[in-house]
Structures are given as C-alpha cells and as structure tokens.
Amino acid sequence: AHWRCVFANDFDPKKASAYIENWGGGEMQVGDVRDVSADQIPTAALDLAWASFPCQDLSLAGVGAGLAGDRSSSFWFFWERMKELCADGRPPKMIVLENVAGTLTSHEGDDFRSIVQASVELGYDIGALTIDAQLFVPQSRQRVFFVAVLRADSERLSLGVKKPSDTWCSASLKRAHEGLPPKLQRRWIWWSMPAPEPRRSRFADLIEDQPASVKWHSVAETNRLLRMMSPRNRAKVEGAKKAGKRMVGGMYRRMRRENGKSVQRVEVRFDDVAGCRRTPGGGSSRQTIIVVEGDTVRSRLISARETARLMGLPDAYKLPARYNDAYHLTGDGVV
C-alpha cells in the first residue's frame, strides 16, 4: 500500500485494459516501449523500475533467438529509457527484470552476461534470484528475477550474502554466474530472503465446480482422452480413484515415439501442483484438467478464474470477458 506507481506501459491494448479496469489508468501508456521517453515519467525520485520483457525468444517454447529476437529485444528499448533517466539525474534506486529461467542459458550465456554488463556499466550492482511459484501457489513456474541496485547504495548498505542460497539460486544461476568475467563478478550480489512458510493450498482447492468460462467435456470426450494415455498414465488415474478424496490433475498432450512412430499421448500429473501456466501460443496448448472422485472421472479446459487463482490473484480481480483474453493475460503475468 505504501508504493505508488507513477508510470506504466504495455504494448497490448487488452492487457492495458485489464490494468486500467483493476488499478485505474492515469499512469498507463499503451504502445511500444521504444516510443516512451523519460520526460513522460513525472517523479524526480524513483525507487523502482520493473520490466517483464517478452520471453518468446528465450523460453524453451520459443525459437531461441535470445535478446536479439524481435520480441525479447524490447529489453534494450527499456534499457534506453533507464539510460535516459540516469542521464537526467533521476536514476531508479532499484531495477528489477523478470523473465523465464531460459534467460540464464540462452545463447550459451551471452544474454545473461549482456544484462549483467549493461547494469554494471550504468552504475548498478546486480544479482539474481530464481523463484519457483509453487513455493507460494500450486503452480510449477520458475522465473528469474534480476535485482540491480545503485552502486552507491549497494556499497553503503553492504547488501547481499557471501554464498548463494539453495532456495533462491538454482544450479543454472550458479553456473551462469561462474561464466561471468571477474570484473562483473566483483559487482555481483548474492541476494537472499527468508524461507517462505509451507504452502497450504492444493491445486484441487482452486477448482470451480461450476465454471462460467468453460464447459465440462462429454463422457465420450473424457473417455477419448483416457484412451490416449499410456498404461503408466492410465494407472495414475486408477490410483486417483482409490485416493478417498477429490483428486485434480493436469493433462498435457505430448508427441512420443513408440515402435518407430510418433504418437500423440495424454500425460497426467496428480501431485497437487498445476503445470506452468502459458499463453495459447508459443508452442504450448491450453491446459486440460481431470477431476477424479471415486469412480467418477470428468475433464475440461481449465477455467479463466482458475488460471487467475494459480497466478495468486484474488477472486475480486476483474478478468477480461473473453476466455482467450483472460487466458493470455494470466499466462503472461507474474505470479
């Protein structure tokens, strides 16, 4: 409540509309970040600048072009805005960048090094954390957060810890750090945070009995999905029937090689955690859920409200009316 947003920008009018609907839109500018200028940011003292730039060229579901890709290159346009603010004598005290974990390894680590080097050259010390959303919500979703702090503040406050935390630093992050040249390692901060309380919510707790945005499959459609399962995955369904409680799982279509041929299979997980929320594009499909209560088995697409709950949003959060728009919004969001 003690934070006040003075400027916001999104390229997508539908996402911007959701922002305005929930937060008001006085500070929101819709359009390309390359068209933003520092003059549009009204406040002299800025505590935080945050950017979540497109991940399609970095993620495993994307095409792997890295920061040079058409979409992920928007990072550099954001960074030009940061340079303008610094030149104007208004450097943000802290800059946070969020993206997929693939940022650590894309282009053999060159993208990671580029982000660190750009921060150091602008007068910031920087570190990163890898955080899996399932520590807080029942969704498996790992992201990397770069946290850069003005060098003067970093040195004055003696920020960070001496050794990386296993909770907040993945093996990939540690390897990426090892690949930095010594001059960049000297400006690195190992961030740490208190361990979170154990998560109490399960995937099943978030499921709607009567969703408004989707319909339950027919018996025939559910049976068709079950027939597409391998014996191993079908055994998981049979095990869920004997659990003595409502079991909710996520179903995912995968192409598998069997007897020299490509076969589409439906795979299922019943570990109380949903798979990573994605947008409908980028090589991934909408999540299908399966609900097992004794011998009763039902299936359907995950609902818009369920995707919002998996992202940590309260039910009071206003979602776009169209299912696809809501699905895209939550799939692109930060938990």
Protein backbone atom coordinates (compact mmCIF):
# COMPACT_ATOMS: atom_id res chain seq x y z
CA ALA A 1 0.00 0.00 0.00
CA HIS A 2 2.95 2.36 0.50
CA TRP A 3 4.03 2.02 -3.13
CA ARG A 4 2.68 4.40 -5.76
CA CYS A 5 3.01 3.64 -9.46
CA VAL A 6 3.79 6.79 -11.47
CA PHE A 7 4.17 5.27 -14.94
CA ALA A 8 3.17 2.01 -16.65
CA ASN A 9 3.49 0.78 -20.21
CA ASP A 10 2.22 -2.22 -22.15
CA PHE A 11 2.19 -2.95 -25.86
CA ASP A 12 -1.03 -5.00 -25.70
CA PRO A 13 -4.26 -2.93 -25.53
CA LYS A 14 -6.18 -5.85 -23.99
CA LYS A 15 -3.71 -6.24 -21.15
CA ALA A 16 -3.67 -2.49 -20.64
CA SER A 17 -7.47 -2.53 -20.44
CA ALA A 18 -7.28 -5.14 -17.66
CA TYR A 19 -4.75 -2.98 -15.82
CA ILE A 20 -6.99 0.08 -16.11
CA GLU A 21 -10.06 -1.91 -15.03
CA ASN A 22 -8.33 -3.04 -11.84
CA TRP A 23 -5.98 -0.20 -10.95
CA GLY A 24 -7.13 2.89 -12.84
CA GLY A 25 -5.24 4.11 -15.85
CA GLY A 26 -3.84 7.55 -15.25
CA GLU A 27 -0.27 6.30 -15.43
CA MET A 28 -0.77 3.71 -18.21
CA GLN A 29 0.61 4.36 -21.68
CA VAL A 30 -0.38 1.81 -24.33
CA GLY A 31 2.19 1.28 -27.05
CA ASP A 32 5.72 0.23 -27.89
CA VAL A 33 8.32 0.84 -25.19
CA ARG A 34 10.61 2.34 -27.84
CA ASP A 35 8.12 5.22 -28.10
CA VAL A 36 8.37 6.01 -24.38
CA SER A 37 10.54 8.92 -23.27
CA ALA A 38 11.92 9.74 -19.85
CA ASP A 39 10.03 13.04 -19.97
CA GLN A 40 6.77 11.10 -19.55
CA ILE A 41 7.87 9.81 -16.14
CA PRO A 42 6.87 12.63 -13.80
CA THR A 43 8.60 11.89 -10.49
CA ALA A 44 12.10 13.09 -9.63
CA ALA A 45 12.95 10.39 -7.04
CA LEU A 46 12.30 6.89 -8.37
CA ASP A 47 12.61 3.90 -6.06
CA LEU A 48 11.91 1.08 -8.52
CA ALA A 49 11.76 0.44 -12.24
CA TRP A 50 10.37 -3.00 -13.14
CA ALA A 51 10.29 -4.70 -16.54
CA SER A 52 8.99 -8.07 -17.61
CA PHE A 53 10.04 -8.31 -21.22
CA PRO A 54 8.72 -10.84 -23.75
CA CYS A 55 10.12 -14.33 -23.25
CA GLN A 56 9.27 -15.98 -26.57
CA ASP A 57 12.85 -15.76 -27.85
CA LEU A 58 14.28 -17.05 -24.57
CA SER A 59 11.94 -19.76 -23.32
CA LEU A 60 12.09 -23.45 -24.20
CA ALA A 61 8.77 -22.96 -26.03
CA GLY A 62 10.18 -20.14 -28.17
CA VAL A 63 12.53 -20.05 -31.14
CA GLY A 64 15.72 -19.33 -29.20
CA ALA A 65 16.76 -16.04 -30.80
CA GLY A 66 17.65 -14.59 -27.39
CA LEU A 67 17.83 -10.86 -26.75
CA ALA A 68 18.35 -10.33 -30.50
CA GLY A 69 14.88 -11.71 -31.22
CA ASP A 70 12.10 -9.45 -32.47
CA ARG A 71 10.22 -9.59 -29.17
CA SER A 72 12.82 -10.09 -26.45
CA SER A 73 14.92 -7.28 -27.95
CA SER A 74 12.38 -4.93 -26.36
CA PHE A 75 14.66 -5.23 -23.32
CA TRP A 76 17.14 -2.91 -25.00
CA PHE A 77 14.48 -0.30 -25.65
CA PHE A 78 13.52 -0.42 -21.97
CA TRP A 79 17.20 -0.10 -21.10
CA GLU A 80 17.47 3.03 -23.23
CA ARG A 81 14.77 4.54 -21.01
CA MET A 82 16.87 3.64 -17.96
CA LYS A 83 19.89 5.37 -19.52
CA GLU A 84 17.79 8.48 -20.16
CA LEU A 85 16.65 8.59 -16.54
CA CYS A 86 20.24 8.25 -15.31
CA ALA A 87 21.42 10.98 -17.68
CA ASP A 88 18.59 13.15 -16.39
CA GLY A 89 19.84 12.76 -12.82
CA ARG A 90 16.90 10.53 -11.85
CA PRO A 91 18.35 7.02 -11.67
CA PRO A 92 15.94 4.47 -10.17
CA LYS A 93 17.35 3.21 -6.89
CA MET A 94 16.49 -0.32 -7.96
CA ILE A 95 15.78 -2.02 -11.28
CA VAL A 96 14.11 -5.44 -11.42
CA LEU A 97 13.92 -7.57 -14.57
CA GLU A 98 11.74 -10.70 -14.71
CA ASN A 99 11.84 -13.45 -17.31
CA VAL A 100 11.90 -17.19 -17.86
CA ALA A 101 14.72 -19.31 -16.49
CA GLY A 102 15.97 -19.77 -20.07
CA THR A 103 17.45 -16.28 -19.79
CA LEU A 104 20.30 -17.85 -17.82
CA THR A 105 21.41 -20.13 -20.65
CA SER A 106 20.19 -18.58 -23.92
CA HIS A 107 22.94 -18.02 -26.47
CA GLU A 108 25.33 -20.01 -24.28
CA GLY A 109 25.03 -17.42 -21.50
CA ASP A 110 25.61 -14.35 -23.68
CA ASP A 111 22.16 -12.88 -22.90
CA PHE A 112 22.77 -13.28 -19.16
CA ARG A 113 26.17 -11.62 -19.43
CA SER A 114 24.71 -8.81 -21.53
CA ILE A 115 22.12 -7.97 -18.87
CA VAL A 116 24.72 -8.01 -16.09
CA GLN A 117 27.18 -5.93 -18.10
CA ALA A 118 24.55 -3.36 -19.09
CA SER A 119 23.63 -2.94 -15.42
CA VAL A 120 27.23 -2.57 -14.25
CA GLU A 121 28.01 -0.05 -17.00
CA LEU A 122 25.04 2.05 -15.89
CA GLY A 123 26.32 2.24 -12.32
CA TYR A 124 24.46 -0.64 -10.67
CA ASP A 125 25.46 -3.72 -8.73
CA ILE A 126 23.30 -6.69 -9.64
CA GLY A 127 22.30 -10.16 -8.59
CA ALA A 128 19.52 -12.56 -9.46
CA LEU A 129 17.11 -14.97 -7.84
CA THR A 130 15.37 -17.98 -9.29
CA ILE A 131 11.94 -18.42 -7.76
CA ASP A 132 9.51 -21.25 -8.37
CA ALA A 133 5.92 -20.14 -7.89
CA GLN A 134 5.00 -23.45 -6.28
CA LEU A 135 6.60 -22.18 -3.08
CA PHE A 136 3.58 -19.87 -2.83
CA VAL A 137 0.80 -21.16 -5.13
CA PRO A 138 0.06 -24.65 -6.54
CA GLN A 139 1.72 -23.99 -9.90
CA SER A 140 5.10 -25.16 -11.11
CA ARG A 141 6.56 -21.99 -12.63
CA GLN A 142 10.21 -21.00 -12.29
CA ARG A 143 11.29 -17.48 -13.18
CA VAL A 144 14.49 -15.48 -12.83
CA PHE A 145 14.48 -12.04 -11.23
CA PHE A 146 17.45 -9.74 -11.81
CA VAL A 147 17.67 -7.17 -8.99
CA ALA A 148 20.02 -4.25 -9.61
CA VAL A 149 20.77 -1.55 -7.02
CA LEU A 150 22.62 1.73 -7.44
CA ARG A 151 26.27 1.07 -6.64
CA ALA A 152 26.47 3.79 -4.01
CA ASP A 153 23.54 2.25 -2.12
CA SER A 154 24.94 -1.25 -2.54
CA GLU A 155 28.32 -0.31 -1.05
CA ARG A 156 26.77 1.80 1.73
CA LEU A 157 24.29 -0.86 2.83
CA SER A 158 26.55 -3.93 2.43
CA LEU A 159 23.78 -5.79 0.64
CA GLY A 160 23.63 -9.50 -0.06
CA VAL A 161 25.19 -12.61 1.43
CA LYS A 162 28.53 -14.31 0.83
CA LYS A 163 27.19 -17.60 -0.52
CA PRO A 164 24.20 -18.30 -2.78
CA SER A 165 21.07 -19.68 -1.15
CA ASP A 166 19.91 -23.04 -2.48
CA THR A 167 16.30 -21.87 -2.01
CA TRP A 168 16.67 -18.81 -4.24
CA CYS A 169 19.57 -19.73 -6.53
CA SER A 170 19.24 -22.61 -8.97
CA ALA A 171 22.18 -24.62 -10.26
CA SER A 172 21.71 -22.85 -13.62
CA LEU A 173 22.06 -19.46 -11.95
CA LYS A 174 25.22 -20.54 -10.15
CA ARG A 175 26.71 -21.80 -13.43
CA ALA A 176 25.74 -18.57 -15.20
CA HIS A 177 27.49 -16.57 -12.50
CA GLU A 178 30.62 -18.72 -12.85
CA GLY A 179 30.70 -17.80 -16.55
CA LEU A 180 30.89 -14.07 -15.84
CA PRO A 181 34.27 -12.33 -16.27
CA PRO A 182 35.94 -11.32 -12.97
CA LYS A 183 35.13 -7.61 -13.36
CA LEU A 184 31.41 -8.44 -13.49
CA GLN A 185 31.62 -10.98 -10.66
CA ARG A 186 33.02 -8.22 -8.43
CA ARG A 187 29.80 -6.24 -8.94
CA TRP A 188 27.54 -9.26 -8.28
CA ILE A 189 25.24 -9.53 -5.25
CA TRP A 190 24.03 -12.88 -3.91
CA TRP A 191 20.54 -11.97 -2.80
CA SER A 192 18.75 -13.95 -0.14
CA MET A 193 15.34 -13.87 1.51
CA PRO A 194 13.69 -15.64 4.43
CA ALA A 195 12.33 -19.07 3.54
CA PRO A 196 8.57 -18.87 2.93
CA GLU A 197 6.03 -20.60 5.11
CA PRO A 198 5.00 -24.03 3.76
CA ARG A 199 2.34 -23.71 1.07
CA ARG A 200 -1.04 -24.89 2.31
CA SER A 201 -3.15 -24.64 -0.86
CA ARG A 202 -3.53 -27.53 -3.31
CA PHE A 203 -4.45 -27.47 -6.99
CA ALA A 204 -7.75 -29.11 -6.05
CA ASP A 205 -8.58 -26.23 -3.70
CA LEU A 206 -8.71 -23.77 -6.61
CA ILE A 207 -11.03 -25.73 -8.89
CA GLU A 208 -14.53 -24.42 -9.66
CA ASP A 209 -17.46 -26.85 -9.60
CA GLN A 210 -19.48 -24.70 -12.00
CA PRO A 211 -17.09 -22.59 -14.08
CA ALA A 212 -18.59 -19.79 -16.12
CA SER A 213 -15.95 -19.62 -18.85
CA VAL A 214 -15.72 -23.30 -19.90
CA LYS A 215 -17.90 -26.41 -20.05
CA TRP A 216 -17.25 -29.91 -18.80
CA HIS A 217 -16.42 -32.43 -21.50
CA SER A 218 -18.91 -35.06 -22.51
CA VAL A 219 -18.35 -38.59 -21.25
CA ALA A 220 -17.25 -39.57 -24.74
CA GLU A 221 -14.64 -36.80 -24.89
CA THR A 222 -13.25 -37.69 -21.46
CA ASN A 223 -13.03 -41.36 -22.47
CA ARG A 224 -11.21 -40.37 -25.65
CA LEU A 225 -8.58 -38.56 -23.59
CA LEU A 226 -8.23 -41.58 -21.29
CA ARG A 227 -7.68 -43.86 -24.30
CA MET A 228 -4.83 -41.60 -25.41
CA MET A 229 -2.94 -42.31 -22.19
CA SER A 230 -0.13 -44.82 -21.90
CA PRO A 231 -0.61 -47.67 -19.42
CA ARG A 232 1.58 -45.80 -16.94
CA ASN A 233 -0.56 -42.66 -17.06
CA ARG A 234 -3.80 -44.62 -17.04
CA ALA A 235 -2.55 -46.28 -13.85
CA LYS A 236 -2.26 -42.82 -12.27
CA VAL A 237 -5.98 -42.26 -12.94
CA GLU A 238 -6.84 -45.62 -11.42
CA GLY A 239 -4.76 -44.72 -8.37
CA ALA A 240 -6.59 -41.39 -8.05
CA LYS A 241 -9.90 -43.27 -7.94
CA LYS A 242 -8.73 -45.07 -4.80
CA ALA A 243 -7.43 -41.96 -3.03
CA GLY A 244 -10.59 -41.44 -0.99
CA LYS A 245 -10.78 -37.73 -1.83
CA ARG A 246 -11.28 -35.47 -4.84
CA MET A 247 -8.16 -35.56 -6.97
CA VAL A 248 -7.39 -32.91 -9.57
CA GLY A 249 -4.70 -33.37 -12.17
CA GLY A 250 -3.37 -31.57 -15.18
CA MET A 251 -3.43 -33.28 -18.57
CA TYR A 252 -0.95 -32.46 -21.32
CA ARG A 253 -0.74 -33.67 -24.90
CA ARG A 254 2.70 -34.83 -25.94
CA MET A 255 4.14 -36.42 -29.07
CA ARG A 256 6.02 -39.62 -28.16
CA ARG A 257 7.99 -42.12 -30.23
CA GLU A 258 6.56 -45.62 -29.93
CA ASN A 259 7.60 -48.53 -32.13
CA GLY A 260 9.33 -46.14 -34.50
CA LYS A 261 6.27 -43.89 -34.93
CA SER A 262 5.20 -40.54 -33.48
CA VAL A 263 2.10 -40.98 -31.33
CA GLN A 264 0.12 -38.29 -29.55
CA ARG A 265 -0.25 -39.17 -25.89
CA VAL A 266 -2.10 -37.58 -22.99
CA GLU A 267 0.02 -37.40 -19.86
CA VAL A 268 -1.35 -36.60 -16.40
CA ARG A 269 0.06 -35.47 -13.06
CA PHE A 270 -1.63 -35.74 -9.64
CA ASP A 271 0.93 -34.03 -7.41
CA ASP A 272 -1.34 -31.20 -6.18
CA VAL A 273 0.52 -28.77 -8.45
CA ALA A 274 -0.54 -27.45 -11.86
CA GLY A 275 1.87 -27.31 -14.75
CA CYS A 276 3.30 -23.96 -15.78
CA ARG A 277 0.66 -21.51 -17.00
CA ARG A 278 1.39 -20.45 -20.55
CA THR A 279 -0.25 -18.39 -23.23
CA PRO A 280 -2.07 -20.26 -26.03
CA GLY A 281 0.80 -19.55 -28.45
CA GLY A 282 4.50 -20.28 -28.25
CA GLY A 283 4.22 -23.98 -28.99
CA SER A 284 2.05 -24.79 -25.98
CA SER A 285 -1.64 -25.57 -25.65
CA ARG A 286 -4.37 -24.73 -23.15
CA GLN A 287 -4.28 -26.80 -20.01
CA THR A 288 -6.88 -29.51 -19.55
CA ILE A 289 -7.79 -30.67 -16.08
CA ILE A 290 -9.09 -34.02 -14.91
CA VAL A 291 -11.20 -34.34 -11.75
CA VAL A 292 -11.49 -37.79 -10.14
CA GLU A 293 -13.92 -38.50 -7.30
CA GLY A 294 -14.16 -42.24 -6.69
CA ASP A 295 -15.18 -43.88 -9.96
CA THR A 296 -16.38 -40.56 -11.45
CA VAL A 297 -13.92 -39.03 -13.90
CA ARG A 298 -14.55 -35.64 -15.54
CA SER A 299 -12.43 -33.39 -17.70
CA ARG A 300 -12.47 -29.90 -19.22
CA LEU A 301 -10.29 -26.93 -20.07
CA ILE A 302 -9.02 -25.01 -17.09
CA SER A 303 -11.28 -22.00 -16.43
CA ALA A 304 -10.26 -18.35 -16.64
CA ARG A 305 -10.79 -17.83 -12.92
CA GLU A 306 -8.75 -20.93 -12.09
CA THR A 307 -5.83 -19.59 -14.12
CA ALA A 308 -6.07 -16.34 -12.16
CA ARG A 309 -6.08 -18.21 -8.85
CA LEU A 310 -2.99 -20.14 -9.94
CA MET A 311 -1.33 -16.76 -10.52
CA GLY A 312 -2.13 -15.65 -6.99
CA LEU A 313 -4.86 -13.19 -7.99
CA PRO A 314 -7.84 -12.74 -5.65
CA ASP A 315 -11.31 -13.50 -6.97
CA ALA A 316 -12.07 -9.77 -6.80
CA TYR A 317 -9.60 -9.22 -9.65
CA LYS A 318 -11.55 -8.32 -12.79
CA LEU A 319 -10.70 -10.54 -15.76
CA PRO A 320 -11.36 -9.85 -19.45
CA ALA A 321 -14.75 -11.15 -20.55
CA ARG A 322 -13.38 -13.33 -23.37
CA TYR A 323 -11.81 -16.62 -22.27
CA ASN A 324 -8.85 -16.37 -24.64
CA ASP A 325 -8.06 -12.81 -23.50
CA ALA A 326 -8.16 -13.83 -19.83
CA TYR A 327 -6.07 -16.95 -20.55
CA HIS A 328 -3.46 -14.87 -22.38
CA LEU A 329 -3.38 -12.25 -19.65
CA THR A 330 -2.74 -14.71 -16.83
CA GLY A 331 -0.34 -16.83 -18.86
CA ASP A 332 1.87 -13.79 -19.47
CA GLY A 333 1.65 -12.49 -15.91
CA VAL A 334 3.96 -12.61 -12.93
CA VAL A 335 2.70 -14.71 -10.01
